[in-house]
């Protein structure tokens, strides 16, 4: 059963913006499974609405995925507590604020707020995943993952973002990030804008997200220092709000069990 679920998850991971359609043969080849098994997986996921079978024989993501994503985005405590803080930061500091979470070796953008005047910081759109690279958010999230996961990133997806393999110096940088409570870095691409990120914690004191801030006119040391203060303070506000909500849930469940 777990193997089947794992294969189904692997199939869903194939569908991206760059490659939105997959056929049975290509799926089987990519996953290293028989064509009959690939066909069964694709057909089963189509039957429950997570995929759809298009006329020319390939498969695409189904509309049920939109429904599931909508429910997550509208009910996630993290997003609900972060959104008002991010809007305030974007408006008050003429900045772009983005919220990222860890998704099995990927960094996923789950919210983005921009100032009335578009900021220079062109961060990924909501729903876009990227490998853990040299971005500030990726560094923050990776710094709080088990050290055994760092070699899994490796190559050009390594923390330094310049194609260098994982080295002790990378581990030292991640340690510094954990100690000082923030990271700086650039978004992927040759013209990626500089960003500052700070960790968001839940009621268990676990790092559940990274709040990334980018100014409309970055560059000076004073501006970067100001962004650090903004990111750290805003992440702390979100963490406190998330702690309050989750602590209330725990207290409510405890009271219910006593009765």
Foldseek 3Di string as FASTA:
>chain_A
DVVLVVLLVVLLVVADPVHFKDALVRSCVVVVHDSVSSVVSQVVCVVVFQWPQDPVHIIGGGCVVVVVLVVCLVPPLLNVLQVVLQQCCQAPQQKKKWKWFDDPQKIATQDIYHYPPGAPQPADDHGDIDGLAQAFFSLQRVLQDPPVCQQVQAACSHNNNRRHGDDVVSNVVSVVCVVVFKGWGFHDDPPGAIKIWGFAAALVRGGGIIMIIDHRDDDDPVRVVVRNVSRRVSSVSSNVSRNVVVVVVVVVVVVVVVD
